[in-house]
Amino acid sequence: MKYGVNIMVWTTRMNREQEALLSRIKERGFDGVELFLSLNEQANIPEMRRTLHPLGLHRATSFVLPSDANFISTDADVRARSVAFIKRCVEPTRELDTGHWLYRFGEELFSSKKYRLRWLAHD
């Protein structure tokens, strides 16, 4: 079994400034990290890859669909926004050489009436 941690516990930033944090994660016995992709706060992907590679940490990316995007909406425009958003997240995931990505339906995480959490894991 392998163990990983989501670095959102400490930060949402993905840049070289996180090198000390990532080193501590590795030293504490974790096998990998989950990196949050925010399209509002762009990550320096080549820098993160150079930082992660020597540590040998496995990586997965995650992101939250914005509230105006939902794959199961009855509105075709809303579904199209979901697809467009995912396409924008695929490239940085590929560049990080993760092999894995996760997403959550953002609007449903914060709904008090309908608390449904949906996950998609893809290899």
PDB file of N, CA and C in Angstrom:
ATOM      1  N   MET A   1       0.838  -1.173   0.000  1.00  0.00           N
ATOM      2  CA  MET A   1       0.000   0.000   0.000  1.00  0.00           C
ATOM      3  C   MET A   1       0.883   1.236   0.000  1.00  0.00           C
ATOM      4  N   LYS A   2       0.446   2.252  -0.734  1.00  0.00           N
ATOM      5  CA  LYS A   2       1.170   3.522  -0.798  1.00  0.00           C
ATOM      6  C   LYS A   2       0.322   4.595  -0.135  1.00  0.00           C
ATOM      7  N   TYR A   3       1.010   5.569   0.474  1.00  0.00           N
ATOM      8  CA  TYR A   3       0.326   6.665   1.163  1.00  0.00           C
ATOM      9  C   TYR A   3       0.713   7.992   0.543  1.00  0.00           C
ATOM     10  N   GLY A   4      -0.269   8.846   0.365  1.00  0.00           N
ATOM     11  CA  GLY A   4      -0.026  10.174  -0.175  1.00  0.00           C
ATOM     12  C   GLY A   4      -0.783  11.207   0.630  1.00  0.00           C
ATOM     13  N   VAL A   5      -0.448  12.452   0.396  1.00  0.00           N
ATOM     14  CA  VAL A   5      -1.094  13.551   1.104  1.00  0.00           C
ATOM     15  C   VAL A   5      -1.408  14.659   0.104  1.00  0.00           C
ATOM     16  N   ASN A   6      -2.529  15.327   0.322  1.00  0.00           N
ATOM     17  CA  ASN A   6      -2.906  16.466  -0.505  1.00  0.00           C
ATOM     18  C   ASN A   6      -2.180  17.691   0.048  1.00  0.00           C
ATOM     19  N   ILE A   7      -1.389  18.376  -0.776  1.00  0.00           N
ATOM     20  CA  ILE A   7      -0.631  19.516  -0.248  1.00  0.00           C
ATOM     21  C   ILE A   7      -1.521  20.711   0.070  1.00  0.00           C
ATOM     22  N   MET A   8      -2.818  20.624  -0.263  1.00  0.00           N
ATOM     23  CA  MET A   8      -3.734  21.704   0.130  1.00  0.00           C
ATOM     24  C   MET A   8      -3.868  21.798   1.648  1.00  0.00           C
ATOM     25  N   VAL A   9      -3.402  20.784   2.360  1.00  0.00           N
ATOM     26  CA  VAL A   9      -3.374  20.874   3.823  1.00  0.00           C
ATOM     27  C   VAL A   9      -2.516  22.072   4.227  1.00  0.00           C
ATOM     28  N   TRP A  10      -1.493  22.375   3.410  1.00  0.00           N
ATOM     29  CA  TRP A  10      -0.558  23.456   3.717  1.00  0.00           C
ATOM     30  C   TRP A  10      -0.666  24.641   2.768  1.00  0.00           C
ATOM     31  N   THR A  11      -0.892  24.377   1.491  1.00  0.00           N
ATOM     32  CA  THR A  11      -0.846  25.459   0.499  1.00  0.00           C
ATOM     33  C   THR A  11      -1.589  25.065  -0.770  1.00  0.00           C
ATOM     34  N   THR A  12      -1.997  26.066  -1.544  1.00  0.00           N
ATOM     35  CA  THR A  12      -2.563  25.818  -2.874  1.00  0.00           C
ATOM     36  C   THR A  12      -1.547  26.170  -3.952  1.00  0.00           C
ATOM     37  N   ARG A  13      -0.446  26.743  -3.565  1.00  0.00           N
ATOM     38  CA  ARG A  13       0.569  27.169  -4.529  1.00  0.00           C
ATOM     39  C   ARG A  13       1.425  25.984  -4.987  1.00  0.00           C
ATOM     40  N   MET A  14       1.754  25.993  -6.264  1.00  0.00           N
ATOM     41  CA  MET A  14       2.621  24.955  -6.804  1.00  0.00           C
ATOM     42  C   MET A  14       3.801  25.647  -7.487  1.00  0.00           C
ATOM     43  N   ASN A  15       4.873  25.803  -6.746  1.00  0.00           N
ATOM     44  CA  ASN A  15       6.086  26.401  -7.296  1.00  0.00           C
ATOM     45  C   ASN A  15       7.288  25.922  -6.481  1.00  0.00           C
ATOM     46  N   ARG A  16       8.450  26.400  -6.837  1.00  0.00           N
ATOM     47  CA  ARG A  16       9.695  25.941  -6.202  1.00  0.00           C
ATOM     48  C   ARG A  16       9.729  26.259  -4.700  1.00  0.00           C
ATOM     49  N   GLU A  17       8.965  27.242  -4.270  1.00  0.00           N
ATOM     50  CA  GLU A  17       8.907  27.597  -2.850  1.00  0.00           C
ATOM     51  C   GLU A  17       8.416  26.423  -1.998  1.00  0.00           C
ATOM     52  N   GLN A  18       7.792  25.444  -2.610  1.00  0.00           N
ATOM     53  CA  GLN A  18       7.255  24.293  -1.877  1.00  0.00           C
ATOM     54  C   GLN A  18       8.267  23.161  -1.734  1.00  0.00           C
ATOM     55  N   GLU A  19       9.494  23.372  -2.190  1.00  0.00           N
ATOM     56  CA  GLU A  19      10.502  22.310  -2.159  1.00  0.00           C
ATOM     57  C   GLU A  19      10.731  21.784  -0.740  1.00  0.00           C
ATOM     58  N   ALA A  20      10.857  22.679   0.241  1.00  0.00           N
ATOM     59  CA  ALA A  20      11.077  22.240   1.625  1.00  0.00           C
ATOM     60  C   ALA A  20       9.881  21.438   2.141  1.00  0.00           C
ATOM     61  N   LEU A  21       8.677  21.879   1.818  1.00  0.00           N
ATOM     62  CA  LEU A  21       7.467  21.158   2.221  1.00  0.00           C
ATOM     63  C   LEU A  21       7.450  19.763   1.606  1.00  0.00           C
ATOM     64  N   LEU A  22       7.733  19.672   0.310  1.00  0.00           N
ATOM     65  CA  LEU A  22       7.723  18.385  -0.367  1.00  0.00           C
ATOM     66  C   LEU A  22       8.808  17.458   0.179  1.00  0.00           C
ATOM     67  N   SER A  23       9.940  18.011   0.531  1.00  0.00           N
ATOM     68  CA  SER A  23      11.013  17.203   1.137  1.00  0.00           C
ATOM     69  C   SER A  23      10.568  16.647   2.484  1.00  0.00           C
ATOM     70  N   ARG A  24       9.905  17.470   3.293  1.00  0.00           N
ATOM     71  CA  ARG A  24       9.402  16.999   4.600  1.00  0.00           C
ATOM     72  C   ARG A  24       8.362  15.896   4.416  1.00  0.00           C
ATOM     73  N   ILE A  25       7.511  16.061   3.418  1.00  0.00           N
ATOM     74  CA  ILE A  25       6.499  15.030   3.142  1.00  0.00           C
ATOM     75  C   ILE A  25       7.184  13.705   2.836  1.00  0.00           C
ATOM     76  N   LYS A  26       8.206  13.734   2.004  1.00  0.00           N
ATOM     77  CA  LYS A  26       8.948  12.516   1.668  1.00  0.00           C
ATOM     78  C   LYS A  26       9.648  11.944   2.899  1.00  0.00           C
ATOM     79  N   GLU A  27      10.291  12.814   3.692  1.00  0.00           N
ATOM     80  CA  GLU A  27      10.999  12.370   4.900  1.00  0.00           C
ATOM     81  C   GLU A  27      10.068  11.714   5.910  1.00  0.00           C
ATOM     82  N   ARG A  28       8.815  12.133   5.930  1.00  0.00           N
ATOM     83  CA  ARG A  28       7.850  11.579   6.884  1.00  0.00           C
ATOM     84  C   ARG A  28       7.218  10.287   6.381  1.00  0.00           C
ATOM     85  N   GLY A  29       7.702   9.802   5.242  1.00  0.00           N
ATOM     86  CA  GLY A  29       7.298   8.475   4.795  1.00  0.00           C
ATOM     87  C   GLY A  29       6.188   8.408   3.772  1.00  0.00           C
ATOM     88  N   PHE A  30       5.739   9.551   3.275  1.00  0.00           N
ATOM     89  CA  PHE A  30       4.693   9.512   2.256  1.00  0.00           C
ATOM     90  C   PHE A  30       5.288   9.113   0.914  1.00  0.00           C
ATOM     91  N   ASP A  31       4.485   8.413   0.125  1.00  0.00           N
ATOM     92  CA  ASP A  31       4.916   7.947  -1.195  1.00  0.00           C
ATOM     93  C   ASP A  31       4.560   8.915  -2.310  1.00  0.00           C
ATOM     94  N   GLY A  32       3.594   9.785  -2.050  1.00  0.00           N
ATOM     95  CA  GLY A  32       3.150  10.685  -3.107  1.00  0.00           C
ATOM     96  C   GLY A  32       2.397  11.882  -2.580  1.00  0.00           C
ATOM     97  N   VAL A  33       2.083  12.780  -3.502  1.00  0.00           N
ATOM     98  CA  VAL A  33       1.341  13.992  -3.175  1.00  0.00           C
ATOM     99  C   VAL A  33       0.226  14.206  -4.186  1.00  0.00           C
ATOM    100  N   GLU A  34      -0.846  14.810  -3.709  1.00  0.00           N
ATOM    101  CA  GLU A  34      -1.926  15.254  -4.575  1.00  0.00           C
ATOM    102  C   GLU A  34      -1.780  16.760  -4.707  1.00  0.00           C
ATOM    103  N   LEU A  35      -1.653  17.224  -5.940  1.00  0.00           N
ATOM    104  CA  LEU A  35      -1.421  18.633  -6.224  1.00  0.00           C
ATOM    105  C   LEU A  35      -2.695  19.251  -6.773  1.00  0.00           C
ATOM    106  N   PHE A  36      -3.110  20.350  -6.178  1.00  0.00           N
ATOM    107  CA  PHE A  36      -4.341  21.014  -6.592  1.00  0.00           C
ATOM    108  C   PHE A  36      -4.068  21.932  -7.773  1.00  0.00           C
ATOM    109  N   LEU A  37      -4.816  21.756  -8.843  1.00  0.00           N
ATOM    110  CA  LEU A  37      -4.720  22.634 -10.004  1.00  0.00           C
ATOM    111  C   LEU A  37      -5.769  23.721  -9.905  1.00  0.00           C
ATOM    112  N   SER A  38      -5.318  24.941  -9.840  1.00  0.00           N
ATOM    113  CA  SER A  38      -6.223  26.080  -9.846  1.00  0.00           C
ATOM    114  C   SER A  38      -5.962  26.861 -11.120  1.00  0.00           C
ATOM    115  N   LEU A  39      -6.961  27.018 -11.924  1.00  0.00           N
ATOM    116  CA  LEU A  39      -6.765  27.768 -13.152  1.00  0.00           C
ATOM    117  C   LEU A  39      -6.720  29.269 -12.881  1.00  0.00           C
ATOM    118  N   ASN A  40      -7.097  29.673 -11.663  1.00  0.00           N
ATOM    119  CA  ASN A  40      -6.989  31.078 -11.266  1.00  0.00           C
ATOM    120  C   ASN A  40      -5.588  31.411 -10.763  1.00  0.00           C
ATOM    121  N   GLU A  41      -4.896  30.423 -10.276  1.00  0.00           N
ATOM    122  CA  GLU A  41      -3.560  30.601  -9.713  1.00  0.00           C
ATOM    123  C   GLU A  41      -2.637  29.617 -10.419  1.00  0.00           C
ATOM    124  N   GLN A  42      -2.056  30.054 -11.511  1.00  0.00           N
ATOM    125  CA  GLN A  42      -1.290  29.161 -12.364  1.00  0.00           C
ATOM    126  C   GLN A  42      -0.043  28.609 -11.675  1.00  0.00           C
ATOM    127  N   ALA A  43       0.175  27.337 -11.844  1.00  0.00           N
ATOM    128  CA  ALA A  43       1.343  26.654 -11.290  1.00  0.00           C
ATOM    129  C   ALA A  43       2.493  26.717 -12.284  1.00  0.00           C
ATOM    130  N   ASN A  44       3.705  26.691 -11.759  1.00  0.00           N
ATOM    131  CA  ASN A  44       4.879  26.588 -12.606  1.00  0.00           C
ATOM    132  C   ASN A  44       5.164  25.095 -12.758  1.00  0.00           C
ATOM    133  N   ILE A  45       4.565  24.494 -13.772  1.00  0.00           N
ATOM    134  CA  ILE A  45       4.606  23.044 -13.949  1.00  0.00           C
ATOM    135  C   ILE A  45       6.028  22.520 -14.169  1.00  0.00           C
ATOM    136  N   PRO A  46       6.826  23.100 -15.064  1.00  0.00           N
ATOM    137  CA  PRO A  46       8.188  22.578 -15.233  1.00  0.00           C
ATOM    138  C   PRO A  46       9.010  22.650 -13.933  1.00  0.00           C
ATOM    139  N   GLU A  47       8.821  23.709 -13.184  1.00  0.00           N
ATOM    140  CA  GLU A  47       9.525  23.866 -11.908  1.00  0.00           C
ATOM    141  C   GLU A  47       9.082  22.797 -10.902  1.00  0.00           C
ATOM    142  N   MET A  48       7.778  22.549 -10.845  1.00  0.00           N
ATOM    143  CA  MET A  48       7.270  21.527  -9.921  1.00  0.00           C
ATOM    144  C   MET A  48       7.773  20.137 -10.311  1.00  0.00           C
ATOM    145  N   ARG A  49       7.818  19.878 -11.586  1.00  0.00           N
ATOM    146  CA  ARG A  49       8.309  18.566 -12.040  1.00  0.00           C
ATOM    147  C   ARG A  49       9.772  18.387 -11.650  1.00  0.00           C
ATOM    148  N   ARG A  50      10.591  19.432 -11.852  1.00  0.00           N
ATOM    149  CA  ARG A  50      12.008  19.366 -11.468  1.00  0.00           C
ATOM    150  C   ARG A  50      12.172  19.199  -9.959  1.00  0.00           C
ATOM    151  N   THR A  51      11.271  19.750  -9.177  1.00  0.00           N
ATOM    152  CA  THR A  51      11.322  19.630  -7.721  1.00  0.00           C
ATOM    153  C   THR A  51      10.895  18.235  -7.273  1.00  0.00           C
ATOM    154  N   LEU A  52       9.850  17.699  -7.867  1.00  0.00           N
ATOM    155  CA  LEU A  52       9.299  16.409  -7.453  1.00  0.00           C
ATOM    156  C   LEU A  52      10.131  15.218  -7.918  1.00  0.00           C
ATOM    157  N   HIS A  53      10.695  15.313  -9.104  1.00  0.00           N
ATOM    158  CA  HIS A  53      11.391  14.161  -9.685  1.00  0.00           C
ATOM    159  C   HIS A  53      12.493  13.600  -8.780  1.00  0.00           C
ATOM    160  N   PRO A  54      13.428  14.412  -8.282  1.00  0.00           N
ATOM    161  CA  PRO A  54      14.488  13.836  -7.451  1.00  0.00           C
ATOM    162  C   PRO A  54      13.983  13.277  -6.116  1.00  0.00           C
ATOM    163  N   LEU A  55      12.839  13.758  -5.658  1.00  0.00           N
ATOM    164  CA  LEU A  55      12.279  13.255  -4.399  1.00  0.00           C
ATOM    165  C   LEU A  55      11.634  11.879  -4.584  1.00  0.00           C
ATOM    166  N   GLY A  56      11.287  11.543  -5.814  1.00  0.00           N
ATOM    167  CA  GLY A  56      10.655  10.258  -6.079  1.00  0.00           C
ATOM    168  C   GLY A  56       9.224  10.175  -5.583  1.00  0.00           C
ATOM    169  N   LEU A  57       8.580  11.316  -5.397  1.00  0.00           N
ATOM    170  CA  LEU A  57       7.186  11.315  -4.948  1.00  0.00           C
ATOM    171  C   LEU A  57       6.254  11.073  -6.129  1.00  0.00           C
ATOM    172  N   HIS A  58       5.330  10.138  -5.964  1.00  0.00           N
ATOM    173  CA  HIS A  58       4.284   9.938  -6.959  1.00  0.00           C
ATOM    174  C   HIS A  58       3.381  11.166  -6.907  1.00  0.00           C
ATOM    175  N   ARG A  59       2.693  11.432  -8.004  1.00  0.00           N
ATOM    176  CA  ARG A  59       1.863  12.625  -8.037  1.00  0.00           C
ATOM    177  C   ARG A  59       0.501  12.339  -8.661  1.00  0.00           C
ATOM    178  N   ALA A  60      -0.472  13.006  -8.122  1.00  0.00           N
ATOM    179  CA  ALA A  60      -1.817  13.045  -8.692  1.00  0.00           C
ATOM    180  C   ALA A  60      -2.243  14.501  -8.666  1.00  0.00           C
ATOM    181  N   THR A  61      -3.095  14.884  -9.584  1.00  0.00           N
ATOM    182  CA  THR A  61      -3.626  16.242  -9.559  1.00  0.00           C
ATOM    183  C   THR A  61      -5.110  16.179  -9.246  1.00  0.00           C
ATOM    184  N   SER A  62      -5.598  17.261  -8.683  1.00  0.00           N
ATOM    185  CA  SER A  62      -7.028  17.364  -8.425  1.00  0.00           C
ATOM    186  C   SER A  62      -7.468  18.781  -8.740  1.00  0.00           C
ATOM    187  N   PHE A  63      -8.747  18.935  -8.961  1.00  0.00           N
ATOM    188  CA  PHE A  63      -9.314  20.246  -9.233  1.00  0.00           C
ATOM    189  C   PHE A  63     -10.787  20.180  -8.888  1.00  0.00           C
ATOM    190  N   VAL A  64     -11.371  21.339  -8.713  1.00  0.00           N
ATOM    191  CA  VAL A  64     -12.794  21.435  -8.398  1.00  0.00           C
ATOM    192  C   VAL A  64     -13.473  22.104  -9.580  1.00  0.00           C
ATOM    193  N   LEU A  65     -14.513  21.470 -10.089  1.00  0.00           N
ATOM    194  CA  LEU A  65     -15.272  22.098 -11.164  1.00  0.00           C
ATOM    195  C   LEU A  65     -15.921  23.371 -10.650  1.00  0.00           C
ATOM    196  N   PRO A  66     -15.877  24.436 -11.428  1.00  0.00           N
ATOM    197  CA  PRO A  66     -16.560  25.662 -11.006  1.00  0.00           C
ATOM    198  C   PRO A  66     -18.069  25.433 -10.945  1.00  0.00           C
ATOM    199  N   SER A  67     -18.754  26.303 -10.234  1.00  0.00           N
ATOM    200  CA  SER A  67     -20.186  26.106 -10.023  1.00  0.00           C
ATOM    201  C   SER A  67     -20.998  26.186 -11.315  1.00  0.00           C
ATOM    202  N   ASP A  68     -20.439  26.792 -12.357  1.00  0.00           N
ATOM    203  CA  ASP A  68     -21.176  26.880 -13.622  1.00  0.00           C
ATOM    204  C   ASP A  68     -20.863  25.728 -14.567  1.00  0.00           C
ATOM    205  N   ALA A  69     -20.222  24.677 -14.043  1.00  0.00           N
ATOM    206  CA  ALA A  69     -19.884  23.500 -14.856  1.00  0.00           C
ATOM    207  C   ALA A  69     -20.325  22.241 -14.113  1.00  0.00           C
ATOM    208  N   ASN A  70     -20.980  21.339 -14.825  1.00  0.00           N
ATOM    209  CA  ASN A  70     -21.476  20.121 -14.200  1.00  0.00           C
ATOM    210  C   ASN A  70     -21.742  19.096 -15.306  1.00  0.00           C
ATOM    211  N   PHE A  71     -21.080  17.940 -15.224  1.00  0.00           N
ATOM    212  CA  PHE A  71     -21.207  16.925 -16.269  1.00  0.00           C
ATOM    213  C   PHE A  71     -22.597  16.307 -16.355  1.00  0.00           C
ATOM    214  N   ILE A  72     -23.369  16.370 -15.296  1.00  0.00           N
ATOM    215  CA  ILE A  72     -24.673  15.714 -15.317  1.00  0.00           C
ATOM    216  C   ILE A  72     -25.826  16.704 -15.436  1.00  0.00           C
ATOM    217  N   SER A  73     -25.500  17.946 -15.756  1.00  0.00           N
ATOM    218  CA  SER A  73     -26.542  18.951 -15.928  1.00  0.00           C
ATOM    219  C   SER A  73     -27.417  18.599 -17.129  1.00  0.00           C
ATOM    220  N   THR A  74     -28.656  19.013 -17.079  1.00  0.00           N
ATOM    221  CA  THR A  74     -29.545  18.842 -18.226  1.00  0.00           C
ATOM    222  C   THR A  74     -29.288  19.917 -19.282  1.00  0.00           C
ATOM    223  N   ASP A  75     -28.540  20.949 -18.924  1.00  0.00           N
ATOM    224  CA  ASP A  75     -28.219  22.062 -19.826  1.00  0.00           C
ATOM    225  C   ASP A  75     -26.941  21.740 -20.606  1.00  0.00           C
ATOM    226  N   ALA A  76     -27.034  21.683 -21.915  1.00  0.00           N
ATOM    227  CA  ALA A  76     -25.890  21.338 -22.761  1.00  0.00           C
ATOM    228  C   ALA A  76     -24.747  22.340 -22.615  1.00  0.00           C
ATOM    229  N   ASP A  77     -25.049  23.616 -22.421  1.00  0.00           N
ATOM    230  CA  ASP A  77     -23.998  24.627 -22.245  1.00  0.00           C
ATOM    231  C   ASP A  77     -23.204  24.388 -20.964  1.00  0.00           C
ATOM    232  N   VAL A  78     -23.879  23.987 -19.918  1.00  0.00           N
ATOM    233  CA  VAL A  78     -23.206  23.691 -18.647  1.00  0.00           C
ATOM    234  C   VAL A  78     -22.290  22.480 -18.817  1.00  0.00           C
ATOM    235  N   ARG A  79     -22.788  21.439 -19.492  1.00  0.00           N
ATOM    236  CA  ARG A  79     -21.956  20.255 -19.752  1.00  0.00           C
ATOM    237  C   ARG A  79     -20.749  20.615 -20.615  1.00  0.00           C
ATOM    238  N   ALA A  80     -20.939  21.485 -21.596  1.00  0.00           N
ATOM    239  CA  ALA A  80     -19.835  21.910 -22.471  1.00  0.00           C
ATOM    240  C   ALA A  80     -18.777  22.671 -21.661  1.00  0.00           C
ATOM    241  N   ARG A  81     -19.203  23.500 -20.715  1.00  0.00           N
ATOM    242  CA  ARG A  81     -18.234  24.202 -19.861  1.00  0.00           C
ATOM    243  C   ARG A  81     -17.420  23.204 -19.036  1.00  0.00           C
ATOM    244  N   SER A  82     -18.054  22.125 -18.621  1.00  0.00           N
ATOM    245  CA  SER A  82     -17.346  21.087 -17.868  1.00  0.00           C
ATOM    246  C   SER A  82     -16.243  20.468 -18.710  1.00  0.00           C
ATOM    247  N   VAL A  83     -16.576  20.128 -19.937  1.00  0.00           N
ATOM    248  CA  VAL A  83     -15.599  19.512 -20.840  1.00  0.00           C
ATOM    249  C   VAL A  83     -14.449  20.485 -21.101  1.00  0.00           C
ATOM    250  N   ALA A  84     -14.773  21.745 -21.361  1.00  0.00           N
ATOM    251  CA  ALA A  84     -13.732  22.741 -21.633  1.00  0.00           C
ATOM    252  C   ALA A  84     -12.816  22.903 -20.418  1.00  0.00           C
ATOM    253  N   PHE A  85     -13.391  22.913 -19.224  1.00  0.00           N
ATOM    254  CA  PHE A  85     -12.599  23.056 -18.010  1.00  0.00           C
ATOM    255  C   PHE A  85     -11.646  21.868 -17.835  1.00  0.00           C
ATOM    256  N   ILE A  86     -12.171  20.667 -18.033  1.00  0.00           N
ATOM    257  CA  ILE A  86     -11.352  19.460 -17.902  1.00  0.00           C
ATOM    258  C   ILE A  86     -10.199  19.481 -18.901  1.00  0.00           C
ATOM    259  N   LYS A  87     -10.472  19.897 -20.126  1.00  0.00           N
ATOM    260  CA  LYS A  87      -9.415  19.960 -21.139  1.00  0.00           C
ATOM    261  C   LYS A  87      -8.296  20.896 -20.709  1.00  0.00           C
ATOM    262  N   ARG A  88      -8.654  21.989 -20.025  1.00  0.00           N
ATOM    263  CA  ARG A  88      -7.630  22.927 -19.550  1.00  0.00           C
ATOM    264  C   ARG A  88      -6.816  22.331 -18.406  1.00  0.00           C
ATOM    265  N   CYS A  89      -7.339  21.340 -17.709  1.00  0.00           N
ATOM    266  CA  CYS A  89      -6.621  20.706 -16.594  1.00  0.00           C
ATOM    267  C   CYS A  89      -5.774  19.515 -17.048  1.00  0.00           C
ATOM    268  N   VAL A  90      -6.092  18.943 -18.197  1.00  0.00           N
ATOM    269  CA  VAL A  90      -5.386  17.749 -18.655  1.00  0.00           C
ATOM    270  C   VAL A  90      -3.930  18.043 -18.987  1.00  0.00           C
ATOM    271  N   GLU A  91      -3.647  19.148 -19.653  1.00  0.00           N
ATOM    272  CA  GLU A  91      -2.284  19.446 -20.079  1.00  0.00           C
ATOM    273  C   GLU A  91      -1.316  19.578 -18.899  1.00  0.00           C
ATOM    274  N   PRO A  92      -1.628  20.378 -17.857  1.00  0.00           N
ATOM    275  CA  PRO A  92      -0.691  20.431 -16.729  1.00  0.00           C
ATOM    276  C   PRO A  92      -0.537  19.074 -16.031  1.00  0.00           C
ATOM    277  N   THR A  93      -1.589  18.277 -16.013  1.00  0.00           N
ATOM    278  CA  THR A  93      -1.504  16.938 -15.423  1.00  0.00           C
ATOM    279  C   THR A  93      -0.539  16.075 -16.229  1.00  0.00           C
ATOM    280  N   ARG A  94      -0.635  16.144 -17.546  1.00  0.00           N
ATOM    281  CA  ARG A  94       0.269  15.396 -18.416  1.00  0.00           C
ATOM    282  C   ARG A  94       1.711  15.875 -18.224  1.00  0.00           C
ATOM    283  N   GLU A  95       1.907  17.186 -18.156  1.00  0.00           N
ATOM    284  CA  GLU A  95       3.246  17.742 -17.992  1.00  0.00           C
ATOM    285  C   GLU A  95       3.894  17.319 -16.671  1.00  0.00           C
ATOM    286  N   LEU A  96       3.081  17.117 -15.647  1.00  0.00           N
ATOM    287  CA  LEU A  96       3.609  16.666 -14.353  1.00  0.00           C
ATOM    288  C   LEU A  96       3.908  15.180 -14.349  1.00  0.00           C
ATOM    289  N   ASP A  97       3.506  14.480 -15.411  1.00  0.00           N
ATOM    290  CA  ASP A  97       3.736  13.045 -15.540  1.00  0.00           C
ATOM    291  C   ASP A  97       3.102  12.293 -14.372  1.00  0.00           C
ATOM    292  N   THR A  98       1.840  12.622 -14.096  1.00  0.00           N
ATOM    293  CA  THR A  98       1.167  12.029 -12.945  1.00  0.00           C
ATOM    294  C   THR A  98       0.535  10.681 -13.254  1.00  0.00           C
ATOM    295  N   GLY A  99      -0.170  10.603 -14.370  1.00  0.00           N
ATOM    296  CA  GLY A  99      -0.902   9.392 -14.685  1.00  0.00           C
ATOM    297  C   GLY A  99      -2.254   9.325 -13.998  1.00  0.00           C
ATOM    298  N   HIS A 100      -2.551  10.265 -13.092  1.00  0.00           N
ATOM    299  CA  HIS A 100      -3.813  10.236 -12.340  1.00  0.00           C
ATOM    300  C   HIS A 100      -4.353  11.650 -12.188  1.00  0.00           C
ATOM    301  N   TRP A 101      -5.690  11.754 -12.208  1.00  0.00           N
ATOM    302  CA  TRP A 101      -6.320  13.013 -11.848  1.00  0.00           C
ATOM    303  C   TRP A 101      -7.657  12.747 -11.184  1.00  0.00           C
ATOM    304  N   LEU A 102      -8.078  13.676 -10.368  1.00  0.00           N
ATOM    305  CA  LEU A 102      -9.327  13.563  -9.612  1.00  0.00           C
ATOM    306  C   LEU A 102     -10.109  14.852  -9.770  1.00  0.00           C
ATOM    307  N   TYR A 103     -11.421  14.772  -9.703  1.00  0.00           N
ATOM    308  CA  TYR A 103     -12.181  16.010  -9.646  1.00  0.00           C
ATOM    309  C   TYR A 103     -13.383  15.844  -8.731  1.00  0.00           C
ATOM    310  N   ARG A 104     -13.886  16.978  -8.303  1.00  0.00           N
ATOM    311  CA  ARG A 104     -15.089  17.023  -7.478  1.00  0.00           C
ATOM    312  C   ARG A 104     -16.056  17.988  -8.132  1.00  0.00           C
ATOM    313  N   PHE A 105     -17.340  17.725  -8.017  1.00  0.00           N
ATOM    314  CA  PHE A 105     -18.331  18.701  -8.454  1.00  0.00           C
ATOM    315  C   PHE A 105     -18.399  19.770  -7.393  1.00  0.00           C
ATOM    316  N   GLY A 106     -17.823  20.937  -7.668  1.00  0.00           N
ATOM    317  CA  GLY A 106     -17.713  22.013  -6.690  1.00  0.00           C
ATOM    318  C   GLY A 106     -19.030  22.444  -6.089  1.00  0.00           C
ATOM    319  N   GLU A 107     -20.047  22.596  -6.903  1.00  0.00           N
ATOM    320  CA  GLU A 107     -21.319  23.096  -6.381  1.00  0.00           C
ATOM    321  C   GLU A 107     -21.934  22.136  -5.380  1.00  0.00           C
ATOM    322  N   GLU A 108     -21.656  20.860  -5.524  1.00  0.00           N
ATOM    323  CA  GLU A 108     -22.275  19.895  -4.636  1.00  0.00           C
ATOM    324  C   GLU A 108     -21.507  19.728  -3.328  1.00  0.00           C
ATOM    325  N   LEU A 109     -20.259  20.163  -3.295  1.00  0.00           N
ATOM    326  CA  LEU A 109     -19.503  20.094  -2.051  1.00  0.00           C
ATOM    327  C   LEU A 109     -20.056  21.058  -1.011  1.00  0.00           C
ATOM    328  N   PHE A 110     -20.622  22.156  -1.481  1.00  0.00           N
ATOM    329  CA  PHE A 110     -21.032  23.212  -0.571  1.00  0.00           C
ATOM    330  C   PHE A 110     -22.541  23.365  -0.464  1.00  0.00           C
ATOM    331  N   SER A 111     -23.284  22.438  -0.995  1.00  0.00           N
ATOM    332  CA  SER A 111     -24.734  22.507  -0.946  1.00  0.00           C
ATOM    333  C   SER A 111     -25.247  21.919   0.359  1.00  0.00           C
ATOM    334  N   SER A 112     -25.989  22.704   1.114  1.00  0.00           N
ATOM    335  CA  SER A 112     -26.534  22.196   2.375  1.00  0.00           C
ATOM    336  C   SER A 112     -27.745  21.296   2.134  1.00  0.00           C
ATOM    337  N   LYS A 113     -28.451  21.498   1.032  1.00  0.00           N
ATOM    338  CA  LYS A 113     -29.636  20.690   0.744  1.00  0.00           C
ATOM    339  C   LYS A 113     -29.282  19.362   0.101  1.00  0.00           C
ATOM    340  N   LYS A 114     -28.309  19.375  -0.798  1.00  0.00           N
ATOM    341  CA  LYS A 114     -27.915  18.147  -1.489  1.00  0.00           C
ATOM    342  C   LYS A 114     -26.432  17.939  -1.259  1.00  0.00           C
ATOM    343  N   TYR A 115     -26.089  17.153  -0.273  1.00  0.00           N
ATOM    344  CA  TYR A 115     -24.677  16.886  -0.026  1.00  0.00           C
ATOM    345  C   TYR A 115     -24.295  15.602  -0.730  1.00  0.00           C
ATOM    346  N   ARG A 116     -23.928  15.745  -2.002  1.00  0.00           N
ATOM    347  CA  ARG A 116     -23.499  14.597  -2.789  1.00  0.00           C
ATOM    348  C   ARG A 116     -22.088  14.882  -3.255  1.00  0.00           C
ATOM    349  N   LEU A 117     -21.209  13.970  -3.016  1.00  0.00           N
ATOM    350  CA  LEU A 117     -19.824  14.112  -3.441  1.00  0.00           C
ATOM    351  C   LEU A 117     -19.571  13.090  -4.530  1.00  0.00           C
ATOM    352  N   ARG A 118     -19.127  13.549  -5.658  1.00  0.00           N
ATOM    353  CA  ARG A 118     -18.866  12.651  -6.782  1.00  0.00           C
ATOM    354  C   ARG A 118     -17.384  12.704  -7.113  1.00  0.00           C
ATOM    355  N   TRP A 119     -16.827  11.567  -7.325  1.00  0.00           N
ATOM    356  CA  TRP A 119     -15.400  11.463  -7.647  1.00  0.00           C
ATOM    357  C   TRP A 119     -15.225  10.752  -8.978  1.00  0.00           C
ATOM    358  N   LEU A 120     -14.199  11.117  -9.657  1.00  0.00           N
ATOM    359  CA  LEU A 120     -13.785  10.372 -10.837  1.00  0.00           C
ATOM    360  C   LEU A 120     -12.282  10.189 -10.721  1.00  0.00           C
ATOM    361  N   ALA A 121     -11.834   8.992 -10.745  1.00  0.00           N
ATOM    362  CA  ALA A 121     -10.393   8.716 -10.756  1.00  0.00           C
ATOM    363  C   ALA A 121     -10.090   8.084 -12.090  1.00  0.00           C
ATOM    364  N   HIS A 122      -9.057   8.552 -12.722  1.00  0.00           N
ATOM    365  CA  HIS A 122      -8.715   8.074 -14.066  1.00  0.00           C
ATOM    366  C   HIS A 122      -7.240   7.704 -14.119  1.00  0.00           C
ATOM    367  N   ASP A 123      -6.921   6.535 -14.621  1.00  0.00           N
ATOM    368  CA  ASP A 123      -5.523   6.126 -14.848  1.00  0.00           C
ATOM    369  C   ASP A 123      -5.197   6.312 -16.298  1.00  0.00           C
TER     370      ASP A 123
END
